[in-house]
Amino acid sequence: MSPASTRAARARAMEFCARFGLRLPILQAPMASASPVALGVAVANGGGMAGLGALQMSPAEIAAWAEGFRAGSNGAFQVNLWAPDPPPIRDAARE
């Protein structure tokens, strides 16, 4: 990386931090079934952004995670939801 691109990347990271109230440009990777509340609280309280991988969670479970997170931190968090593409339209004649 050139010095100019390094400065630009650093500036974008600092703008992101300012926008979300982070002390560090660290984002917890929100992985399905591997996002315990305690880990999110630790990341947020350490200055980064917590992450919840909600792929296999119901709306009630997501709300409970957020409630548990808010009980331990007032930091920022992200929720990663996966919306699959619709199945492809099949055309037996062309296949």
PDB file of N, CA and C in Angstrom:
ATOM      1  N   MET A   1       0.836  -1.184   0.000  1.00  0.00           N
ATOM      2  CA  MET A   1       0.000   0.000   0.000  1.00  0.00           C
ATOM      3  C   MET A   1       0.877   1.242   0.000  1.00  0.00           C
ATOM      4  N   SER A   2       0.414   2.205  -0.735  1.00  0.00           N
ATOM      5  CA  SER A   2       1.131   3.472  -0.750  1.00  0.00           C
ATOM      6  C   SER A   2       0.786   4.258   0.514  1.00  0.00           C
ATOM      7  N   PRO A   3       1.635   5.213   0.881  1.00  0.00           N
ATOM      8  CA  PRO A   3       1.313   6.036   2.058  1.00  0.00           C
ATOM      9  C   PRO A   3      -0.044   6.734   1.940  1.00  0.00           C
ATOM     10  N   ALA A   4      -0.400   7.178   0.727  1.00  0.00           N
ATOM     11  CA  ALA A   4      -1.687   7.862   0.542  1.00  0.00           C
ATOM     12  C   ALA A   4      -2.852   6.903   0.760  1.00  0.00           C
ATOM     13  N   SER A   5      -2.745   5.675   0.240  1.00  0.00           N
ATOM     14  CA  SER A   5      -3.846   4.731   0.421  1.00  0.00           C
ATOM     15  C   SER A   5      -3.932   4.265   1.869  1.00  0.00           C
ATOM     16  N   THR A   6      -2.780   4.190   2.545  1.00  0.00           N
ATOM     17  CA  THR A   6      -2.788   3.843   3.971  1.00  0.00           C
ATOM     18  C   THR A   6      -3.500   4.921   4.769  1.00  0.00           C
ATOM     19  N   ARG A   7      -3.220   6.181   4.453  1.00  0.00           N
ATOM     20  CA  ARG A   7      -3.895   7.292   5.140  1.00  0.00           C
ATOM     21  C   ARG A   7      -5.392   7.263   4.855  1.00  0.00           C
ATOM     22  N   ALA A   8      -5.763   6.980   3.607  1.00  0.00           N
ATOM     23  CA  ALA A   8      -7.187   6.937   3.246  1.00  0.00           C
ATOM     24  C   ALA A   8      -7.891   5.810   3.993  1.00  0.00           C
ATOM     25  N   ALA A   9      -7.263   4.650   4.078  1.00  0.00           N
ATOM     26  CA  ALA A   9      -7.859   3.520   4.799  1.00  0.00           C
ATOM     27  C   ALA A   9      -8.006   3.855   6.281  1.00  0.00           C
ATOM     28  N   ARG A  10      -6.996   4.456   6.845  1.00  0.00           N
ATOM     29  CA  ARG A  10      -7.054   4.841   8.259  1.00  0.00           C
ATOM     30  C   ARG A  10      -8.157   5.870   8.487  1.00  0.00           C
ATOM     31  N   ALA A  11      -8.296   6.813   7.573  1.00  0.00           N
ATOM     32  CA  ALA A  11      -9.340   7.833   7.705  1.00  0.00           C
ATOM     33  C   ALA A  11     -10.727   7.188   7.651  1.00  0.00           C
ATOM     34  N   ARG A  12     -10.925   6.230   6.734  1.00  0.00           N
ATOM     35  CA  ARG A  12     -12.218   5.537   6.660  1.00  0.00           C
ATOM     36  C   ARG A  12     -12.496   4.765   7.946  1.00  0.00           C
ATOM     37  N   ALA A  13     -11.474   4.105   8.485  1.00  0.00           N
ATOM     38  CA  ALA A  13     -11.651   3.355   9.735  1.00  0.00           C
ATOM     39  C   ALA A  13     -12.034   4.292  10.874  1.00  0.00           C
ATOM     40  N   MET A  14     -11.393   5.441  10.954  1.00  0.00           N
ATOM     41  CA  MET A  14     -11.691   6.385  12.027  1.00  0.00           C
ATOM     42  C   MET A  14     -13.080   7.000  11.849  1.00  0.00           C
ATOM     43  N   GLU A  15     -13.500   7.237  10.610  1.00  0.00           N
ATOM     44  CA  GLU A  15     -14.856   7.734  10.362  1.00  0.00           C
ATOM     45  C   GLU A  15     -15.890   6.694  10.802  1.00  0.00           C
ATOM     46  N   PHE A  16     -15.614   5.425  10.507  1.00  0.00           N
ATOM     47  CA  PHE A  16     -16.504   4.348  10.931  1.00  0.00           C
ATOM     48  C   PHE A  16     -16.605   4.314  12.450  1.00  0.00           C
ATOM     49  N   CYS A  17     -15.457   4.401  13.108  1.00  0.00           N
ATOM     50  CA  CYS A  17     -15.447   4.401  14.577  1.00  0.00           C
ATOM     51  C   CYS A  17     -16.261   5.558  15.134  1.00  0.00           C
ATOM     52  N   ALA A  18     -16.076   6.739  14.583  1.00  0.00           N
ATOM     53  CA  ALA A  18     -16.808   7.914  15.061  1.00  0.00           C
ATOM     54  C   ALA A  18     -18.308   7.737  14.840  1.00  0.00           C
ATOM     55  N   ARG A  19     -18.680   7.184  13.697  1.00  0.00           N
ATOM     56  CA  ARG A  19     -20.103   7.021  13.381  1.00  0.00           C
ATOM     57  C   ARG A  19     -20.813   6.102  14.369  1.00  0.00           C
ATOM     58  N   PHE A  20     -20.109   5.048  14.811  1.00  0.00           N
ATOM     59  CA  PHE A  20     -20.738   4.060  15.684  1.00  0.00           C
ATOM     60  C   PHE A  20     -20.262   4.119  17.136  1.00  0.00           C
ATOM     61  N   GLY A  21     -19.494   5.136  17.486  1.00  0.00           N
ATOM     62  CA  GLY A  21     -19.061   5.320  18.866  1.00  0.00           C
ATOM     63  C   GLY A  21     -18.056   4.280  19.341  1.00  0.00           C
ATOM     64  N   LEU A  22     -17.199   3.810  18.433  1.00  0.00           N
ATOM     65  CA  LEU A  22     -16.194   2.804  18.787  1.00  0.00           C
ATOM     66  C   LEU A  22     -14.883   3.474  19.154  1.00  0.00           C
ATOM     67  N   ARG A  23     -14.155   2.842  20.059  1.00  0.00           N
ATOM     68  CA  ARG A  23     -12.813   3.327  20.395  1.00  0.00           C
ATOM     69  C   ARG A  23     -11.760   2.659  19.530  1.00  0.00           C
ATOM     70  N   LEU A  24     -12.077   1.484  18.988  1.00  0.00           N
ATOM     71  CA  LEU A  24     -11.143   0.711  18.162  1.00  0.00           C
ATOM     72  C   LEU A  24     -11.847   0.217  16.908  1.00  0.00           C
ATOM     73  N   PRO A  25     -11.156   0.168  15.771  1.00  0.00           N
ATOM     74  CA  PRO A  25     -11.777  -0.337  14.546  1.00  0.00           C
ATOM     75  C   PRO A  25     -11.773  -1.873  14.526  1.00  0.00           C
ATOM     76  N   ILE A  26     -12.470  -2.457  15.484  1.00  0.00           N
ATOM     77  CA  ILE A  26     -12.539  -3.916  15.607  1.00  0.00           C
ATOM     78  C   ILE A  26     -13.999  -4.335  15.525  1.00  0.00           C
ATOM     79  N   LEU A  27     -14.276  -5.289  14.637  1.00  0.00           N
ATOM     80  CA  LEU A  27     -15.619  -5.835  14.477  1.00  0.00           C
ATOM     81  C   LEU A  27     -15.572  -7.315  14.801  1.00  0.00           C
ATOM     82  N   GLN A  28     -16.433  -7.749  15.695  1.00  0.00           N
ATOM     83  CA  GLN A  28     -16.561  -9.172  15.980  1.00  0.00           C
ATOM     84  C   GLN A  28     -17.218  -9.833  14.778  1.00  0.00           C
ATOM     85  N   ALA A  29     -16.647 -10.931  14.303  1.00  0.00           N
ATOM     86  CA  ALA A  29     -17.252 -11.658  13.187  1.00  0.00           C
ATOM     87  C   ALA A  29     -18.529 -12.338  13.664  1.00  0.00           C
ATOM     88  N   PRO A  30     -19.672 -11.997  13.081  1.00  0.00           N
ATOM     89  CA  PRO A  30     -20.932 -12.600  13.515  1.00  0.00           C
ATOM     90  C   PRO A  30     -21.153 -13.957  12.850  1.00  0.00           C
ATOM     91  N   MET A  31     -20.763 -15.014  13.527  1.00  0.00           N
ATOM     92  CA  MET A  31     -20.880 -16.353  12.970  1.00  0.00           C
ATOM     93  C   MET A  31     -22.067 -17.086  13.599  1.00  0.00           C
ATOM     94  N   ALA A  32     -22.861 -17.744  12.766  1.00  0.00           N
ATOM     95  CA  ALA A  32     -24.038 -18.467  13.237  1.00  0.00           C
ATOM     96  C   ALA A  32     -23.647 -19.492  14.294  1.00  0.00           C
ATOM     97  N   SER A  33     -24.405 -19.510  15.359  1.00  0.00           N
ATOM     98  CA  SER A  33     -24.221 -20.447  16.483  1.00  0.00           C
ATOM     99  C   SER A  33     -22.929 -20.225  17.256  1.00  0.00           C
ATOM    100  N   ALA A  34     -22.216 -19.151  16.991  1.00  0.00           N
ATOM    101  CA  ALA A  34     -20.968 -18.890  17.715  1.00  0.00           C
ATOM    102  C   ALA A  34     -20.888 -17.428  18.139  1.00  0.00           C
ATOM    103  N   SER A  35     -21.991 -16.900  18.639  1.00  0.00           N
ATOM    104  CA  SER A  35     -22.038 -15.497  19.044  1.00  0.00           C
ATOM    105  C   SER A  35     -22.631 -15.365  20.441  1.00  0.00           C
ATOM    106  N   PRO A  36     -21.958 -15.901  21.456  1.00  0.00           N
ATOM    107  CA  PRO A  36     -22.525 -15.790  22.798  1.00  0.00           C
ATOM    108  C   PRO A  36     -22.578 -14.332  23.260  1.00  0.00           C
ATOM    109  N   VAL A  37     -23.574 -14.040  24.061  1.00  0.00           N
ATOM    110  CA  VAL A  37     -23.743 -12.683  24.586  1.00  0.00           C
ATOM    111  C   VAL A  37     -22.469 -12.207  25.284  1.00  0.00           C
ATOM    112  N   ALA A  38     -21.862 -13.064  26.090  1.00  0.00           N
ATOM    113  CA  ALA A  38     -20.669 -12.661  26.851  1.00  0.00           C
ATOM    114  C   ALA A  38     -19.536 -12.219  25.931  1.00  0.00           C
ATOM    115  N   LEU A  39     -19.380 -12.875  24.788  1.00  0.00           N
ATOM    116  CA  LEU A  39     -18.338 -12.477  23.847  1.00  0.00           C
ATOM    117  C   LEU A  39     -18.662 -11.106  23.254  1.00  0.00           C
ATOM    118  N   GLY A  40     -19.907 -10.898  22.865  1.00  0.00           N
ATOM    119  CA  GLY A  40     -20.304  -9.597  22.337  1.00  0.00           C
ATOM    120  C   GLY A  40     -20.104  -8.480  23.341  1.00  0.00           C
ATOM    121  N   VAL A  41     -20.459  -8.731  24.589  1.00  0.00           N
ATOM    122  CA  VAL A  41     -20.276  -7.738  25.649  1.00  0.00           C
ATOM    123  C   VAL A  41     -18.792  -7.421  25.819  1.00  0.00           C
ATOM    124  N   ALA A  42     -17.949  -8.449  25.807  1.00  0.00           N
ATOM    125  CA  ALA A  42     -16.504  -8.233  25.970  1.00  0.00           C
ATOM    126  C   ALA A  42     -15.936  -7.405  24.823  1.00  0.00           C
ATOM    127  N   VAL A  43     -16.345  -7.699  23.600  1.00  0.00           N
ATOM    128  CA  VAL A  43     -15.861  -6.938  22.439  1.00  0.00           C
ATOM    129  C   VAL A  43     -16.298  -5.482  22.544  1.00  0.00           C
ATOM    130  N   ALA A  44     -17.588  -5.268  22.817  1.00  0.00           N
ATOM    131  CA  ALA A  44     -18.110  -3.895  22.894  1.00  0.00           C
ATOM    132  C   ALA A  44     -17.489  -3.118  24.048  1.00  0.00           C
ATOM    133  N   ASN A  45     -17.376  -3.755  25.201  1.00  0.00           N
ATOM    134  CA  ASN A  45     -16.791  -3.060  26.348  1.00  0.00           C
ATOM    135  C   ASN A  45     -15.301  -2.815  26.159  1.00  0.00           C
ATOM    136  N   GLY A  46     -14.677  -3.572  25.256  1.00  0.00           N
ATOM    137  CA  GLY A  46     -13.271  -3.347  24.923  1.00  0.00           C
ATOM    138  C   GLY A  46     -13.069  -2.265  23.875  1.00  0.00           C
ATOM    139  N   GLY A  47     -14.166  -1.741  23.324  1.00  0.00           N
ATOM    140  CA  GLY A  47     -14.064  -0.633  22.375  1.00  0.00           C
ATOM    141  C   GLY A  47     -14.434  -0.974  20.958  1.00  0.00           C
ATOM    142  N   GLY A  48     -14.733  -2.245  20.652  1.00  0.00           N
ATOM    143  CA  GLY A  48     -15.100  -2.641  19.298  1.00  0.00           C
ATOM    144  C   GLY A  48     -16.604  -2.779  19.134  1.00  0.00           C
ATOM    145  N   MET A  49     -17.000  -3.369  18.002  1.00  0.00           N
ATOM    146  CA  MET A  49     -18.414  -3.595  17.715  1.00  0.00           C
ATOM    147  C   MET A  49     -18.710  -5.089  17.818  1.00  0.00           C
ATOM    148  N   ALA A  50     -19.682  -5.426  18.644  1.00  0.00           N
ATOM    149  CA  ALA A  50     -20.093  -6.817  18.822  1.00  0.00           C
ATOM    150  C   ALA A  50     -20.838  -7.296  17.584  1.00  0.00           C
ATOM    151  N   GLY A  51     -20.947  -8.618  17.453  1.00  0.00           N
ATOM    152  CA  GLY A  51     -21.654  -9.178  16.312  1.00  0.00           C
ATOM    153  C   GLY A  51     -22.474 -10.386  16.709  1.00  0.00           C
ATOM    154  N   LEU A  52     -23.661 -10.481  16.149  1.00  0.00           N
ATOM    155  CA  LEU A  52     -24.538 -11.616  16.373  1.00  0.00           C
ATOM    156  C   LEU A  52     -24.802 -12.286  15.034  1.00  0.00           C
ATOM    157  N   GLY A  53     -24.425 -13.547  14.903  1.00  0.00           N
ATOM    158  CA  GLY A  53     -24.762 -14.337  13.729  1.00  0.00           C
ATOM    159  C   GLY A  53     -26.097 -15.010  13.985  1.00  0.00           C
ATOM    160  N   ALA A  54     -27.161 -14.472  13.419  1.00  0.00           N
ATOM    161  CA  ALA A  54     -28.517 -14.893  13.775  1.00  0.00           C
ATOM    162  C   ALA A  54     -29.130 -15.874  12.780  1.00  0.00           C
ATOM    163  N   LEU A  55     -28.311 -16.536  11.988  1.00  0.00           N
ATOM    164  CA  LEU A  55     -28.805 -17.434  10.948  1.00  0.00           C
ATOM    165  C   LEU A  55     -29.794 -18.461  11.464  1.00  0.00           C
ATOM    166  N   GLN A  56     -29.511 -19.074  12.594  1.00  0.00           N
ATOM    167  CA  GLN A  56     -30.346 -20.159  13.104  1.00  0.00           C
ATOM    168  C   GLN A  56     -31.201 -19.737  14.297  1.00  0.00           C
ATOM    169  N   MET A  57     -31.440 -18.442  14.435  1.00  0.00           N
ATOM    170  CA  MET A  57     -32.177 -17.940  15.595  1.00  0.00           C
ATOM    171  C   MET A  57     -33.569 -17.460  15.200  1.00  0.00           C
ATOM    172  N   SER A  58     -34.498 -17.644  16.113  1.00  0.00           N
ATOM    173  CA  SER A  58     -35.851 -17.116  15.925  1.00  0.00           C
ATOM    174  C   SER A  58     -35.848 -15.639  16.309  1.00  0.00           C
ATOM    175  N   PRO A  59     -36.881 -14.897  15.922  1.00  0.00           N
ATOM    176  CA  PRO A  59     -36.972 -13.499  16.353  1.00  0.00           C
ATOM    177  C   PRO A  59     -36.908 -13.355  17.878  1.00  0.00           C
ATOM    178  N   ALA A  60     -37.533 -14.268  18.606  1.00  0.00           N
ATOM    179  CA  ALA A  60     -37.496 -14.198  20.072  1.00  0.00           C
ATOM    180  C   ALA A  60     -36.079 -14.412  20.592  1.00  0.00           C
ATOM    181  N   GLU A  61     -35.332 -15.310  19.977  1.00  0.00           N
ATOM    182  CA  GLU A  61     -33.944 -15.546  20.400  1.00  0.00           C
ATOM    183  C   GLU A  61     -33.064 -14.346  20.094  1.00  0.00           C
ATOM    184  N   ILE A  62     -33.297 -13.701  18.962  1.00  0.00           N
ATOM    185  CA  ILE A  62     -32.537 -12.489  18.625  1.00  0.00           C
ATOM    186  C   ILE A  62     -32.833 -11.390  19.646  1.00  0.00           C
ATOM    187  N   ALA A  63     -34.102 -11.219  19.978  1.00  0.00           N
ATOM    188  CA  ALA A  63     -34.485 -10.206  20.971  1.00  0.00           C
ATOM    189  C   ALA A  63     -33.873 -10.513  22.331  1.00  0.00           C
ATOM    190  N   ALA A  64     -33.843 -11.789  22.718  1.00  0.00           N
ATOM    191  CA  ALA A  64     -33.241 -12.173  24.004  1.00  0.00           C
ATOM    192  C   ALA A  64     -31.747 -11.895  23.998  1.00  0.00           C
ATOM    193  N   TRP A  65     -31.065 -12.160  22.872  1.00  0.00           N
ATOM    194  CA  TRP A  65     -29.628 -11.870  22.774  1.00  0.00           C
ATOM    195  C   TRP A  65     -29.408 -10.371  22.955  1.00  0.00           C
ATOM    196  N   ALA A  66     -30.194  -9.568  22.242  1.00  0.00           N
ATOM    197  CA  ALA A  66     -30.046  -8.108  22.333  1.00  0.00           C
ATOM    198  C   ALA A  66     -30.309  -7.622  23.752  1.00  0.00           C
ATOM    199  N   GLU A  67     -31.306  -8.181  24.410  1.00  0.00           N
ATOM    200  CA  GLU A  67     -31.609  -7.804  25.789  1.00  0.00           C
ATOM    201  C   GLU A  67     -30.445  -8.167  26.716  1.00  0.00           C
ATOM    202  N   GLY A  68     -29.904  -9.363  26.546  1.00  0.00           N
ATOM    203  CA  GLY A  68     -28.751  -9.779  27.354  1.00  0.00           C
ATOM    204  C   GLY A  68     -27.539  -8.906  27.092  1.00  0.00           C
ATOM    205  N   PHE A  69     -27.343  -8.565  25.822  1.00  0.00           N
ATOM    206  CA  PHE A  69     -26.224  -7.688  25.471  1.00  0.00           C
ATOM    207  C   PHE A  69     -26.388  -6.332  26.142  1.00  0.00           C
ATOM    208  N   ARG A  70     -27.573  -5.751  26.030  1.00  0.00           N
ATOM    209  CA  ARG A  70     -27.831  -4.430  26.621  1.00  0.00           C
ATOM    210  C   ARG A  70     -27.717  -4.447  28.151  1.00  0.00           C
ATOM    211  N   ALA A  71     -27.916  -5.600  28.763  1.00  0.00           N
ATOM    212  CA  ALA A  71     -27.740  -5.694  30.215  1.00  0.00           C
ATOM    213  C   ALA A  71     -26.268  -5.599  30.603  1.00  0.00           C
ATOM    214  N   GLY A  72     -25.377  -5.932  29.668  1.00  0.00           N
ATOM    215  CA  GLY A  72     -23.951  -5.925  29.988  1.00  0.00           C
ATOM    216  C   GLY A  72     -23.144  -4.838  29.318  1.00  0.00           C
ATOM    217  N   SER A  73     -23.742  -4.149  28.338  1.00  0.00           N
ATOM    218  CA  SER A  73     -22.987  -3.141  27.594  1.00  0.00           C
ATOM    219  C   SER A  73     -23.935  -2.135  26.966  1.00  0.00           C
ATOM    220  N   ASN A  74     -23.452  -0.928  26.796  1.00  0.00           N
ATOM    221  CA  ASN A  74     -24.211   0.045  26.018  1.00  0.00           C
ATOM    222  C   ASN A  74     -23.500   0.313  24.698  1.00  0.00           C
ATOM    223  N   GLY A  75     -22.586  -0.596  24.318  1.00  0.00           N
ATOM    224  CA  GLY A  75     -21.843  -0.481  23.070  1.00  0.00           C
ATOM    225  C   GLY A  75     -22.679  -0.867  21.856  1.00  0.00           C
ATOM    226  N   ALA A  76     -22.049  -0.739  20.707  1.00  0.00           N
ATOM    227  CA  ALA A  76     -22.714  -1.041  19.440  1.00  0.00           C
ATOM    228  C   ALA A  76     -22.623  -2.527  19.126  1.00  0.00           C
ATOM    229  N   PHE A  77     -23.647  -3.016  18.411  1.00  0.00           N
ATOM    230  CA  PHE A  77     -23.571  -4.373  17.896  1.00  0.00           C
ATOM    231  C   PHE A  77     -24.243  -4.447  16.537  1.00  0.00           C
ATOM    232  N   GLN A  78     -23.874  -5.464  15.793  1.00  0.00           N
ATOM    233  CA  GLN A  78     -24.441  -5.723  14.477  1.00  0.00           C
ATOM    234  C   GLN A  78     -25.131  -7.081  14.499  1.00  0.00           C
ATOM    235  N   VAL A  79     -26.150  -7.235  13.670  1.00  0.00           N
ATOM    236  CA  VAL A  79     -26.843  -8.509  13.539  1.00  0.00           C
ATOM    237  C   VAL A  79     -26.701  -8.954  12.092  1.00  0.00           C
ATOM    238  N   ASN A  80     -26.184 -10.150  11.897  1.00  0.00           N
ATOM    239  CA  ASN A  80     -25.990 -10.707  10.566  1.00  0.00           C
ATOM    240  C   ASN A  80     -27.123 -11.684  10.297  1.00  0.00           C
ATOM    241  N   LEU A  81     -27.957 -11.322   9.337  1.00  0.00           N
ATOM    242  CA  LEU A  81     -29.059 -12.188   8.921  1.00  0.00           C
ATOM    243  C   LEU A  81     -28.760 -12.701   7.517  1.00  0.00           C
ATOM    244  N   TRP A  82     -29.120 -13.918   7.250  1.00  0.00           N
ATOM    245  CA  TRP A  82     -28.883 -14.503   5.944  1.00  0.00           C
ATOM    246  C   TRP A  82     -30.210 -14.699   5.257  1.00  0.00           C
ATOM    247  N   ALA A  83     -30.338 -14.141   4.077  1.00  0.00           N
ATOM    248  CA  ALA A  83     -31.554 -14.324   3.282  1.00  0.00           C
ATOM    249  C   ALA A  83     -31.150 -15.038   2.000  1.00  0.00           C
ATOM    250  N   PRO A  84     -31.522 -16.290   1.859  1.00  0.00           N
ATOM    251  CA  PRO A  84     -31.087 -17.041   0.681  1.00  0.00           C
ATOM    252  C   PRO A  84     -31.731 -16.519  -0.592  1.00  0.00           C
ATOM    253  N   ASP A  85     -31.034 -16.718  -1.706  1.00  0.00           N
ATOM    254  CA  ASP A  85     -31.610 -16.402  -3.007  1.00  0.00           C
ATOM    255  C   ASP A  85     -32.755 -17.371  -3.271  1.00  0.00           C
ATOM    256  N   PRO A  86     -33.729 -16.941  -4.050  1.00  0.00           N
ATOM    257  CA  PRO A  86     -34.794 -17.887  -4.395  1.00  0.00           C
ATOM    258  C   PRO A  86     -34.206 -19.003  -5.260  1.00  0.00           C
ATOM    259  N   PRO A  87     -34.851 -20.156  -5.256  1.00  0.00           N
ATOM    260  CA  PRO A  87     -34.337 -21.227  -6.101  1.00  0.00           C
ATOM    261  C   PRO A  87     -34.382 -20.817  -7.571  1.00  0.00           C
ATOM    262  N   PRO A  88     -33.440 -21.299  -8.362  1.00  0.00           N
ATOM    263  CA  PRO A  88     -33.440 -20.915  -9.785  1.00  0.00           C
ATOM    264  C   PRO A  88     -34.671 -21.470 -10.497  1.00  0.00           C
ATOM    265  N   ILE A  89     -35.075 -20.754 -11.510  1.00  0.00           N
ATOM    266  CA  ILE A  89     -36.186 -21.228 -12.331  1.00  0.00           C
ATOM    267  C   ILE A  89     -35.637 -22.305 -13.262  1.00  0.00           C
ATOM    268  N   ARG A  90     -36.218 -23.456 -13.174  1.00  0.00           N
ATOM    269  CA  ARG A  90     -35.746 -24.588 -13.970  1.00  0.00           C
ATOM    270  C   ARG A  90     -36.497 -24.626 -15.298  1.00  0.00           C
ATOM    271  N   ASP A  91     -35.812 -25.010 -16.330  1.00  0.00           N
ATOM    272  CA  ASP A  91     -36.400 -25.165 -17.653  1.00  0.00           C
ATOM    273  C   ASP A  91     -35.946 -26.497 -18.203  1.00  0.00           C
ATOM    274  N   ALA A  92     -36.789 -27.513 -18.045  1.00  0.00           N
ATOM    275  CA  ALA A  92     -36.415 -28.878 -18.427  1.00  0.00           C
ATOM    276  C   ALA A  92     -36.085 -28.963 -19.924  1.00  0.00           C
ATOM    277  N   ALA A  93     -36.772 -28.222 -20.753  1.00  0.00           N
ATOM    278  CA  ALA A  93     -36.535 -28.304 -22.203  1.00  0.00           C
ATOM    279  C   ALA A  93     -35.135 -27.804 -22.558  1.00  0.00           C
ATOM    280  N   ARG A  94     -34.670 -26.778 -21.887  1.00  0.00           N
ATOM    281  CA  ARG A  94     -33.347 -26.216 -22.189  1.00  0.00           C
ATOM    282  C   ARG A  94     -32.233 -26.994 -21.505  1.00  0.00           C
ATOM    283  N   GLU A  95     -32.562 -27.664 -20.425  1.00  0.00           N
ATOM    284  CA  GLU A  95     -31.529 -28.427 -19.707  1.00  0.00           C
ATOM    285  C   GLU A  95     -31.275 -29.738 -20.406  1.00  0.00           C
TER     286      GLU A  95
END
